Protein backbone atom coordinates (compact mmCIF):
# COMPACT_ATOMS: atom_id res chain seq x y z
CA GLY A 1 90.41 -7.02 2.69
CA LYS A 2 87.47 -5.81 1.11
CA GLY A 3 86.03 -2.59 2.36
CA ILE A 4 82.98 -4.37 4.18
CA GLY A 5 84.16 -2.44 7.29
CA ARG A 6 84.39 0.97 5.51
CA ALA A 7 81.06 0.59 3.64
CA LEU A 8 79.47 -0.23 7.15
CA LEU A 9 81.08 3.02 8.66
CA GLN A 10 80.13 5.13 6.15
CA ALA A 11 76.33 3.61 6.26
CA GLY A 12 76.47 4.52 10.33
CA ILE A 13 77.28 7.99 9.46
CA ASP A 14 75.11 8.50 6.86
CA TRP A 15 72.07 7.14 8.47
CA ALA A 16 73.07 9.13 12.04
CA LYS A 17 73.18 12.50 9.38
CA ASP A 18 69.95 11.31 7.73
CA ARG A 19 68.23 11.51 11.36
CA GLY A 20 69.92 15.31 12.22
CA ALA A 21 72.78 13.33 14.50
CA GLU A 22 75.90 16.12 15.20
CA VAL A 23 78.36 13.82 16.24
CA VAL A 24 78.91 10.22 16.09
CA HIS A 25 80.51 8.27 19.19
CA LEU A 26 82.06 4.55 19.25
CA GLU A 27 85.02 2.90 21.47
CA VAL A 28 87.59 0.70 19.97
CA ASP A 29 90.01 -1.86 21.77
CA GLU A 30 93.26 -0.04 21.92
CA ARG A 31 95.39 -2.93 20.58
CA ASN A 32 93.03 -2.60 17.36
CA ALA A 33 95.57 -0.79 14.77
CA ALA A 34 93.09 -1.57 11.58
CA ALA A 35 89.88 0.06 13.36
CA LEU A 36 92.39 2.91 14.69
CA ALA A 37 93.75 3.63 11.40
CA MET A 38 90.27 3.19 9.80
CA TYR A 39 88.53 5.63 11.78
CA ALA A 40 91.24 7.97 11.56
CA ALA A 41 90.70 7.85 8.31
CA PHE A 42 87.59 9.45 8.60
CA GLY A 43 88.30 11.80 10.67
CA PHE A 44 87.60 10.20 14.01
CA GLU A 45 89.50 12.15 17.27
CA GLU A 46 90.09 10.45 20.58
CA TRP A 47 88.54 11.92 23.36
CA GLY A 48 88.93 10.02 25.91
CA ARG A 49 90.26 6.44 27.57
CA ARG A 50 88.71 3.73 29.40
CA PRO A 51 91.73 1.76 30.75
CA ASP A 52 91.24 -1.65 31.33
CA TYR A 53 87.82 -1.88 29.90
CA TYR A 54 89.13 -4.86 27.65
CA PRO A 55 91.21 -7.63 29.64
CA GLY A 56 94.82 -6.59 29.74
CA ALA A 57 93.73 -3.01 27.75
CA ALA A 58 92.23 0.37 27.69
CA GLY A 59 89.08 1.07 25.06
CA ILE A 60 89.40 3.97 23.36
CA LEU A 61 86.97 6.54 22.84
CA MET A 62 86.62 8.54 19.96
CA ARG A 63 83.87 10.95 17.92
CA LEU A 64 83.44 12.37 14.76
CA ARG A 65 81.37 16.27 14.69
CA ILE A 66 78.98 15.36 11.38
CA GLY A 67 76.77 18.28 11.44
CA GLY A 68 75.31 21.43 13.91
């Protein structure tokens, strides 16, 4: 689309960095291919799963190291 998701994600990462965070965590529905691709493009890595977190789907736990 229009890059709104990327802009919001970057703003959140910048906000966390400015406040001294070392890691950003998120969780996403395993069926959300567009979000997974965007997070991977930002450097997020999968570190766990929550089986059946969503109806019929797992939640994927992701993290991005931003400092430290």
